[in-house]
């Protein structure tokens, strides 16, 4: 559980940083225009946003896997406890 808690804390912080950066860039780009530069930067932002989305998908997948592993471990413990209790 400790590893899962640590992952969730770090993943949550990473997601928050990605979201904050996105908001900051959108605010900056709304007030920024430079011939030739704005378009190039916008294309780099598209790539950044694609990768940031992939990172978020990986985080979601890892959270799901950790939750499934936790459920499996809890089930195995319950079966083991039951088996021990049923010993004559």
PDB file of N, CA and C in Angstrom:
ATOM      1  N   UNK A   1       0.828  -1.196   0.000  1.00  0.00           N
ATOM      2  CA  UNK A   1       0.000   0.000   0.000  1.00  0.00           C
ATOM      3  C   UNK A   1       0.870   1.257   0.000  1.00  0.00           C
ATOM      4  N   UNK A   2       1.985   1.213   0.692  1.00  0.00           N
ATOM      5  CA  UNK A   2       2.862   2.374   0.755  1.00  0.00           C
ATOM      6  C   UNK A   2       3.375   2.767  -0.632  1.00  0.00           C
ATOM      7  N   UNK A   3       3.755   1.782  -1.428  1.00  0.00           N
ATOM      8  CA  UNK A   3       4.227   2.069  -2.785  1.00  0.00           C
ATOM      9  C   UNK A   3       3.113   2.697  -3.615  1.00  0.00           C
ATOM     10  N   UNK A   4       1.904   2.185  -3.447  1.00  0.00           N
ATOM     11  CA  UNK A   4       0.764   2.730  -4.184  1.00  0.00           C
ATOM     12  C   UNK A   4       0.477   4.176  -3.745  1.00  0.00           C
ATOM     13  N   UNK A   5       0.551   4.433  -2.461  1.00  0.00           N
ATOM     14  CA  UNK A   5       0.341   5.797  -1.955  1.00  0.00           C
ATOM     15  C   UNK A   5       1.404   6.749  -2.496  1.00  0.00           C
ATOM     16  N   UNK A   6       2.652   6.300  -2.498  1.00  0.00           N
ATOM     17  CA  UNK A   6       3.738   7.128  -3.034  1.00  0.00           C
ATOM     18  C   UNK A   6       3.528   7.417  -4.516  1.00  0.00           C
ATOM     19  N   UNK A   7       3.166   6.374  -5.271  1.00  0.00           N
ATOM     20  CA  UNK A   7       2.913   6.563  -6.699  1.00  0.00           C
ATOM     21  C   UNK A   7       1.787   7.561  -6.914  1.00  0.00           C
ATOM     22  N   UNK A   8       0.689   7.390  -6.182  1.00  0.00           N
ATOM     23  CA  UNK A   8      -0.457   8.284  -6.354  1.00  0.00           C
ATOM     24  C   UNK A   8      -0.100   9.731  -6.025  1.00  0.00           C
ATOM     25  N   UNK A   9       0.710   9.935  -5.005  1.00  0.00           N
ATOM     26  CA  UNK A   9       1.125  11.298  -4.647  1.00  0.00           C
ATOM     27  C   UNK A   9       1.970  11.919  -5.759  1.00  0.00           C
ATOM     28  N   UNK A  10       2.933  11.158  -6.255  1.00  0.00           N
ATOM     29  CA  UNK A  10       3.812  11.670  -7.308  1.00  0.00           C
ATOM     30  C   UNK A  10       3.045  11.851  -8.610  1.00  0.00           C
ATOM     31  N   UNK A  11       2.212  10.881  -8.954  1.00  0.00           N
ATOM     32  CA  UNK A  11       1.428  10.970 -10.184  1.00  0.00           C
ATOM     33  C   UNK A  11       0.471  12.157 -10.128  1.00  0.00           C
ATOM     34  N   UNK A  12      -0.146  12.369  -8.986  1.00  0.00           N
ATOM     35  CA  UNK A  12      -1.049  13.505  -8.835  1.00  0.00           C
ATOM     36  C   UNK A  12      -0.321  14.822  -9.019  1.00  0.00           C
ATOM     37  N   UNK A  13       0.873  14.904  -8.472  1.00  0.00           N
ATOM     38  CA  UNK A  13       1.676  16.124  -8.622  1.00  0.00           C
ATOM     39  C   UNK A  13       2.076  16.329 -10.079  1.00  0.00           C
ATOM     40  N   UNK A  14       2.473  15.246 -10.755  1.00  0.00           N
ATOM     41  CA  UNK A  14       2.853  15.337 -12.163  1.00  0.00           C
ATOM     42  C   UNK A  14       1.665  15.785 -13.012  1.00  0.00           C
ATOM     43  N   UNK A  15       0.501  15.210 -12.762  1.00  0.00           N
ATOM     44  CA  UNK A  15      -0.699  15.617 -13.501  1.00  0.00           C
ATOM     45  C   UNK A  15      -1.020  17.094 -13.253  1.00  0.00           C
ATOM     46  N   UNK A  16      -0.883  17.527 -12.015  1.00  0.00           N
ATOM     47  CA  UNK A  16      -1.150  18.933 -11.690  1.00  0.00           C
ATOM     48  C   UNK A  16      -0.163  19.857 -12.406  1.00  0.00           C
ATOM     49  N   UNK A  17       1.101  19.451 -12.462  1.00  0.00           N
ATOM     50  CA  UNK A  17       2.106  20.260 -13.160  1.00  0.00           C
ATOM     51  C   UNK A  17       1.822  20.335 -14.656  1.00  0.00           C
ATOM     52  N   UNK A  18       1.425  19.216 -15.241  1.00  0.00           N
ATOM     53  CA  UNK A  18       1.078  19.203 -16.665  1.00  0.00           C
ATOM     54  C   UNK A  18      -0.097  20.146 -16.920  1.00  0.00           C
ATOM     55  N   UNK A  19      -1.126  20.049 -16.088  1.00  0.00           N
ATOM     56  CA  UNK A  19      -2.305  20.902 -16.251  1.00  0.00           C
ATOM     57  C   UNK A  19      -1.961  22.376 -16.052  1.00  0.00           C
ATOM     58  N   UNK A  20      -1.126  22.674 -15.053  1.00  0.00           N
ATOM     59  CA  UNK A  20      -0.743  24.065 -14.797  1.00  0.00           C
ATOM     60  C   UNK A  20       0.072  24.626 -15.952  1.00  0.00           C
ATOM     61  N   UNK A  21       0.997  23.830 -16.474  1.00  0.00           N
ATOM     62  CA  UNK A  21       1.806  24.274 -17.607  1.00  0.00           C
ATOM     63  C   UNK A  21       0.918  24.559 -18.804  1.00  0.00           C
ATOM     64  N   UNK A  22      -0.040  23.670 -19.049  1.00  0.00           N
ATOM     65  CA  UNK A  22      -0.967  23.857 -20.164  1.00  0.00           C
ATOM     66  C   UNK A  22      -1.728  25.176 -20.014  1.00  0.00           C
ATOM     67  N   UNK A  23      -2.233  25.441 -18.823  1.00  0.00           N
ATOM     68  CA  UNK A  23      -2.966  26.689 -18.578  1.00  0.00           C
ATOM     69  C   UNK A  23      -2.051  27.903 -18.750  1.00  0.00           C
ATOM     70  N   UNK A  24      -0.834  27.807 -18.244  1.00  0.00           N
ATOM     71  CA  UNK A  24       0.118  28.920 -18.362  1.00  0.00           C
ATOM     72  C   UNK A  24       0.461  29.211 -19.822  1.00  0.00           C
ATOM     73  N   UNK A  25       0.692  28.155 -20.601  1.00  0.00           N
ATOM     74  CA  UNK A  25       1.048  28.337 -22.016  1.00  0.00           C
ATOM     75  C   UNK A  25      -0.129  28.929 -22.781  1.00  0.00           C
ATOM     76  N   UNK A  26      -1.335  28.443 -22.511  1.00  0.00           N
ATOM     77  CA  UNK A  26      -2.506  28.995 -23.203  1.00  0.00           C
ATOM     78  C   UNK A  26      -2.672  30.476 -22.892  1.00  0.00           C
ATOM     79  N   UNK A  27      -2.469  30.850 -21.646  1.00  0.00           N
ATOM     80  CA  UNK A  27      -2.572  32.263 -21.265  1.00  0.00           C
ATOM     81  C   UNK A  27      -1.491  33.087 -21.955  1.00  0.00           C
ATOM     82  N   UNK A  28      -0.284  32.553 -22.007  1.00  0.00           N
ATOM     83  CA  UNK A  28       0.819  33.260 -22.646  1.00  0.00           C
ATOM     84  C   UNK A  28       0.574  33.396 -24.149  1.00  0.00           C
ATOM     85  N   UNK A  29       0.134  32.334 -24.783  1.00  0.00           N
ATOM     86  CA  UNK A  29      -0.075  32.361 -26.227  1.00  0.00           C
ATOM     87  C   UNK A  29      -1.230  33.279 -26.617  1.00  0.00           C
ATOM     88  N   UNK A  30      -2.175  33.488 -25.733  1.00  0.00           N
ATOM     89  CA  UNK A  30      -3.290  34.385 -26.028  1.00  0.00           C
ATOM     90  C   UNK A  30      -2.806  35.826 -26.165  1.00  0.00           C
ATOM     91  N   UNK A  31      -1.709  36.150 -25.511  1.00  0.00           N
ATOM     92  CA  UNK A  31      -1.183  37.519 -25.522  1.00  0.00           C
ATOM     93  C   UNK A  31       0.096  37.668 -26.340  1.00  0.00           C
ATOM     94  N   UNK A  32       0.489  36.628 -27.077  1.00  0.00           N
ATOM     95  CA  UNK A  32       1.799  36.631 -27.722  1.00  0.00           C
ATOM     96  C   UNK A  32       1.641  36.452 -29.226  1.00  0.00           C
ATOM     97  N   UNK A  33       2.348  37.256 -29.975  1.00  0.00           N
ATOM     98  CA  UNK A  33       2.373  37.088 -31.418  1.00  0.00           C
ATOM     99  C   UNK A  33       3.724  37.562 -31.930  1.00  0.00           C
ATOM    100  N   UNK A  34       4.427  36.677 -32.623  1.00  0.00           N
ATOM    101  CA  UNK A  34       5.694  37.038 -33.259  1.00  0.00           C
ATOM    102  C   UNK A  34       5.751  36.312 -34.595  1.00  0.00           C
ATOM    103  N   UNK A  35       5.914  37.049 -35.651  1.00  0.00           N
ATOM    104  CA  UNK A  35       5.905  36.462 -36.988  1.00  0.00           C
ATOM    105  C   UNK A  35       6.904  35.320 -37.100  1.00  0.00           C
ATOM    106  N   UNK A  36       6.403  34.186 -37.530  1.00  0.00           N
ATOM    107  CA  UNK A  36       7.246  33.016 -37.741  1.00  0.00           C
ATOM    108  C   UNK A  36       7.555  32.233 -36.482  1.00  0.00           C
ATOM    109  N   UNK A  37       7.557  32.896 -35.358  1.00  0.00           N
ATOM    110  CA  UNK A  37       7.897  32.232 -34.100  1.00  0.00           C
ATOM    111  C   UNK A  37       6.654  31.602 -33.475  1.00  0.00           C
ATOM    112  N   UNK A  38       5.554  32.321 -33.486  1.00  0.00           N
ATOM    113  CA  UNK A  38       4.325  31.830 -32.864  1.00  0.00           C
ATOM    114  C   UNK A  38       3.882  30.507 -33.474  1.00  0.00           C
ATOM    115  N   UNK A  39       3.942  30.415 -34.801  1.00  0.00           N
ATOM    116  CA  UNK A  39       3.516  29.198 -35.482  1.00  0.00           C
ATOM    117  C   UNK A  39       4.428  28.025 -35.138  1.00  0.00           C
ATOM    118  N   UNK A  40       5.728  28.290 -35.122  1.00  0.00           N
ATOM    119  CA  UNK A  40       6.679  27.222 -34.791  1.00  0.00           C
ATOM    120  C   UNK A  40       6.481  26.754 -33.353  1.00  0.00           C
ATOM    121  N   UNK A  41       6.279  27.711 -32.453  1.00  0.00           N
ATOM    122  CA  UNK A  41       6.065  27.341 -31.058  1.00  0.00           C
ATOM    123  C   UNK A  41       4.763  26.566 -30.908  1.00  0.00           C
ATOM    124  N   UNK A  42       3.737  26.966 -31.639  1.00  0.00           N
ATOM    125  CA  UNK A  42       2.450  26.267 -31.575  1.00  0.00           C
ATOM    126  C   UNK A  42       2.606  24.811 -32.001  1.00  0.00           C
ATOM    127  N   UNK A  43       3.424  24.548 -33.023  1.00  0.00           N
ATOM    128  CA  UNK A  43       3.630  23.159 -33.455  1.00  0.00           C
ATOM    129  C   UNK A  43       4.370  22.360 -32.386  1.00  0.00           C
ATOM    130  N   UNK A  44       5.283  22.995 -31.697  1.00  0.00           N
ATOM    131  CA  UNK A  44       5.985  22.307 -30.603  1.00  0.00           C
ATOM    132  C   UNK A  44       5.035  22.049 -29.438  1.00  0.00           C
ATOM    133  N   UNK A  45       4.116  22.962 -29.207  1.00  0.00           N
ATOM    134  CA  UNK A  45       3.115  22.777 -28.149  1.00  0.00           C
ATOM    135  C   UNK A  45       2.202  21.598 -28.459  1.00  0.00           C
ATOM    136  N   UNK A  46       1.860  21.432 -29.725  1.00  0.00           N
ATOM    137  CA  UNK A  46       1.031  20.290 -30.120  1.00  0.00           C
ATOM    138  C   UNK A  46       1.760  18.997 -29.779  1.00  0.00           C
ATOM    139  N   UNK A  47       3.045  18.933 -30.087  1.00  0.00           N
ATOM    140  CA  UNK A  47       3.830  17.736 -29.742  1.00  0.00           C
ATOM    141  C   UNK A  47       3.884  17.547 -28.235  1.00  0.00           C
ATOM    142  N   UNK A  48       4.115  18.626 -27.493  1.00  0.00           N
ATOM    143  CA  UNK A  48       4.159  18.550 -26.031  1.00  0.00           C
ATOM    144  C   UNK A  48       2.835  18.012 -25.497  1.00  0.00           C
ATOM    145  N   UNK A  49       1.718  18.559 -25.993  1.00  0.00           N
ATOM    146  CA  UNK A  49       0.405  18.137 -25.509  1.00  0.00           C
ATOM    147  C   UNK A  49       0.129  16.670 -25.818  1.00  0.00           C
ATOM    148  N   UNK A  50       0.596  16.201 -26.960  1.00  0.00           N
ATOM    149  CA  UNK A  50       0.441  14.787 -27.303  1.00  0.00           C
ATOM    150  C   UNK A  50       1.187  13.913 -26.299  1.00  0.00           C
ATOM    151  N   UNK A  51       2.421  14.271 -26.021  1.00  0.00           N
ATOM    152  CA  UNK A  51       3.229  13.497 -25.073  1.00  0.00           C
ATOM    153  C   UNK A  51       2.656  13.603 -23.662  1.00  0.00           C
ATOM    154  N   UNK A  52       2.209  14.787 -23.269  1.00  0.00           N
ATOM    155  CA  UNK A  52       1.608  14.960 -21.944  1.00  0.00           C
ATOM    156  C   UNK A  52       0.363  14.084 -21.809  1.00  0.00           C
ATOM    157  N   UNK A  53      -0.425  13.996 -22.873  1.00  0.00           N
ATOM    158  CA  UNK A  53      -1.597  13.116 -22.864  1.00  0.00           C
ATOM    159  C   UNK A  53      -1.199  11.659 -22.712  1.00  0.00           C
ATOM    160  N   UNK A  54      -0.113  11.266 -23.372  1.00  0.00           N
ATOM    161  CA  UNK A  54       0.374   9.893 -23.242  1.00  0.00           C
ATOM    162  C   UNK A  54       0.846   9.613 -21.823  1.00  0.00           C
ATOM    163  N   UNK A  55       1.506  10.576 -21.207  1.00  0.00           N
ATOM    164  CA  UNK A  55       1.950  10.414 -19.819  1.00  0.00           C
ATOM    165  C   UNK A  55       0.740  10.210 -18.914  1.00  0.00           C
ATOM    166  N   UNK A  56      -0.307  10.997 -19.128  1.00  0.00           N
ATOM    167  CA  UNK A  56      -1.522  10.853 -18.321  1.00  0.00           C
ATOM    168  C   UNK A  56      -2.165   9.481 -18.533  1.00  0.00           C
ATOM    169  N   UNK A  57      -2.130   8.977 -19.765  1.00  0.00           N
ATOM    170  CA  UNK A  57      -2.668   7.641 -20.034  1.00  0.00           C
ATOM    171  C   UNK A  57      -1.859   6.573 -19.306  1.00  0.00           C
ATOM    172  N   UNK A  58      -0.555   6.722 -19.283  1.00  0.00           N
ATOM    173  CA  UNK A  58       0.305   5.774 -18.564  1.00  0.00           C
ATOM    174  C   UNK A  58      -0.013   5.812 -17.076  1.00  0.00           C
ATOM    175  N   UNK A  59      -0.184   7.004 -16.528  1.00  0.00           N
ATOM    176  CA  UNK A  59      -0.530   7.135 -15.109  1.00  0.00           C
ATOM    177  C   UNK A  59      -1.852   6.437 -14.821  1.00  0.00           C
ATOM    178  N   UNK A  60      -2.842   6.650 -15.674  1.00  0.00           N
ATOM    179  CA  UNK A  60      -4.144   6.002 -15.498  1.00  0.00           C
ATOM    180  C   UNK A  60      -4.004   4.486 -15.539  1.00  0.00           C
ATOM    181  N   UNK A  61      -3.218   3.989 -16.485  1.00  0.00           N
ATOM    182  CA  UNK A  61      -2.997   2.550 -16.609  1.00  0.00           C
ATOM    183  C   UNK A  61      -2.296   1.984 -15.377  1.00  0.00           C
ATOM    184  N   UNK A  62      -1.282   2.688 -14.894  1.00  0.00           N
ATOM    185  CA  UNK A  62      -0.569   2.226 -13.702  1.00  0.00           C
ATOM    186  C   UNK A  62      -1.467   2.242 -12.470  1.00  0.00           C
ATOM    187  N   UNK A  63      -2.288   3.271 -12.342  1.00  0.00           N
ATOM    188  CA  UNK A  63      -3.233   3.316 -11.212  1.00  0.00           C
ATOM    189  C   UNK A  63      -4.174   2.118 -11.258  1.00  0.00           C
ATOM    190  N   UNK A  64      -4.667   1.811 -12.437  1.00  0.00           N
ATOM    191  CA  UNK A  64      -5.567   0.672 -12.599  1.00  0.00           C
ATOM    192  C   UNK A  64      -4.864  -0.634 -12.247  1.00  0.00           C
ATOM    193  N   UNK A  65      -3.635  -0.793 -12.716  1.00  0.00           N
ATOM    194  CA  UNK A  65      -2.871  -2.007 -12.417  1.00  0.00           C
ATOM    195  C   UNK A  65      -2.596  -2.138 -10.926  1.00  0.00           C
ATOM    196  N   UNK A  66      -2.235  -1.032 -10.287  1.00  0.00           N
ATOM    197  CA  UNK A  66      -1.980  -1.069  -8.847  1.00  0.00           C
ATOM    198  C   UNK A  66      -3.246  -1.429  -8.076  1.00  0.00           C
ATOM    199  N   UNK A  67      -4.373  -0.887  -8.492  1.00  0.00           N
ATOM    200  CA  UNK A  67      -5.638  -1.200  -7.822  1.00  0.00           C
ATOM    201  C   UNK A  67      -5.987  -2.673  -8.002  1.00  0.00           C
ATOM    202  N   UNK A  68      -5.789  -3.192  -9.209  1.00  0.00           N
ATOM    203  CA  UNK A  68      -6.062  -4.609  -9.469  1.00  0.00           C
ATOM    204  C   UNK A  68      -5.143  -5.490  -8.641  1.00  0.00           C
ATOM    205  N   UNK A  69      -3.863  -5.147  -8.590  1.00  0.00           N
ATOM    206  CA  UNK A  69      -2.918  -5.925  -7.782  1.00  0.00           C
ATOM    207  C   UNK A  69      -3.295  -5.886  -6.310  1.00  0.00           C
ATOM    208  N   UNK A  70      -3.760  -4.733  -5.837  1.00  0.00           N
ATOM    209  CA  UNK A  70      -4.182  -4.597  -4.444  1.00  0.00           C
ATOM    210  C   UNK A  70      -5.380  -5.501  -4.162  1.00  0.00           C
ATOM    211  N   UNK A  71      -6.339  -5.513  -5.085  1.00  0.00           N
ATOM    212  CA  UNK A  71      -7.516  -6.375  -4.925  1.00  0.00           C
ATOM    213  C   UNK A  71      -7.108  -7.845  -4.914  1.00  0.00           C
ATOM    214  N   UNK A  72      -6.188  -8.211  -5.797  1.00  0.00           N
ATOM    215  CA  UNK A  72      -5.715  -9.594  -5.865  1.00  0.00           C
ATOM    216  C   UNK A  72      -5.018  -9.983  -4.568  1.00  0.00           C
ATOM    217  N   UNK A  73      -4.192  -9.097  -4.052  1.00  0.00           N
ATOM    218  CA  UNK A  73      -3.483  -9.379  -2.799  1.00  0.00           C
ATOM    219  C   UNK A  73      -4.466  -9.513  -1.639  1.00  0.00           C
ATOM    220  N   UNK A  74      -5.457  -8.642  -1.567  1.00  0.00           N
ATOM    221  CA  UNK A  74      -6.453  -8.716  -0.496  1.00  0.00           C
ATOM    222  C   UNK A  74      -7.246 -10.013  -0.581  1.00  0.00           C
ATOM    223  N   UNK A  75      -7.587 -10.418  -1.785  1.00  0.00           N
ATOM    224  CA  UNK A  75      -8.314 -11.671  -1.985  1.00  0.00           C
ATOM    225  C   UNK A  75      -7.465 -12.868  -1.563  1.00  0.00           C
ATOM    226  N   UNK A  76      -6.185 -12.861  -1.932  1.00  0.00           N
ATOM    227  CA  UNK A  76      -5.290 -13.955  -1.553  1.00  0.00           C
ATOM    228  C   UNK A  76      -5.127 -14.020  -0.041  1.00  0.00           C
ATOM    229  N   UNK A  77      -5.016 -12.874   0.613  1.00  0.00           N
ATOM    230  CA  UNK A  77      -4.918 -12.854   2.076  1.00  0.00           C
ATOM    231  C   UNK A  77      -6.185 -13.413   2.721  1.00  0.00           C
ATOM    232  N   UNK A  78      -7.324 -13.041   2.192  1.00  0.00           N
ATOM    233  CA  UNK A  78      -8.591 -13.532   2.744  1.00  0.00           C
ATOM    234  C   UNK A  78      -8.700 -15.044   2.577  1.00  0.00           C
ATOM    235  N   UNK A  79      -8.313 -15.560   1.416  1.00  0.00           N
ATOM    236  CA  UNK A  79      -8.353 -17.014   1.197  1.00  0.00           C
ATOM    237  C   UNK A  79      -7.380 -17.728   2.123  1.00  0.00           C
ATOM    238  N   UNK A  80      -6.185 -17.153   2.281  1.00  0.00           N
ATOM    239  CA  UNK A  80      -5.202 -17.749   3.188  1.00  0.00           C
ATOM    240  C   UNK A  80      -5.692 -17.749   4.623  1.00  0.00           C
ATOM    241  N   UNK A  81      -6.278 -16.651   5.053  1.00  0.00           N
ATOM    242  CA  UNK A  81      -6.817 -16.540   6.413  1.00  0.00           C
ATOM    243  C   UNK A  81      -7.921 -17.577   6.630  1.00  0.00           C
ATOM    244  N   UNK A  82      -8.785 -17.714   5.629  1.00  0.00           N
ATOM    245  CA  UNK A  82      -9.875 -18.683   5.719  1.00  0.00           C
ATOM    246  C   UNK A  82      -9.337 -20.106   5.786  1.00  0.00           C
ATOM    247  N   UNK A  83      -8.327 -20.399   4.980  1.00  0.00           N
ATOM    248  CA  UNK A  83      -7.749 -21.741   4.982  1.00  0.00           C
ATOM    249  C   UNK A  83      -7.126 -22.061   6.334  1.00  0.00           C
ATOM    250  N   UNK A  84      -6.440 -21.100   6.931  1.00  0.00           N
ATOM    251  CA  UNK A  84      -5.822 -21.313   8.241  1.00  0.00           C
ATOM    252  C   UNK A  84      -6.898 -21.526   9.300  1.00  0.00           C
ATOM    253  N   UNK A  85      -7.958 -20.753   9.246  1.00  0.00           N
ATOM    254  CA  UNK A  85      -9.039 -20.886  10.221  1.00  0.00           C
ATOM    255  C   UNK A  85      -9.748 -22.233  10.107  1.00  0.00           C
ATOM    256  N   UNK A  86      -9.758 -22.802   8.907  1.00  0.00           N
ATOM    257  CA  UNK A  86     -10.436 -24.083   8.691  1.00  0.00           C
ATOM    258  C   UNK A  86      -9.570 -25.290   9.031  1.00  0.00           C
ATOM    259  N   UNK A  87      -8.327 -25.053   9.439  1.00  0.00           N
ATOM    260  CA  UNK A  87      -7.462 -26.163   9.837  1.00  0.00           C
ATOM    261  C   UNK A  87      -7.948 -26.664  11.189  1.00  0.00           C
ATOM    262  N   UNK A  88      -8.224 -27.985  11.249  1.00  0.00           N
ATOM    263  CA  UNK A  88      -8.746 -28.677  12.420  1.00  0.00           C
ATOM    264  C   UNK A  88      -8.295 -28.163  13.670  1.00  0.00           C
TER     265      UNK A  88
END
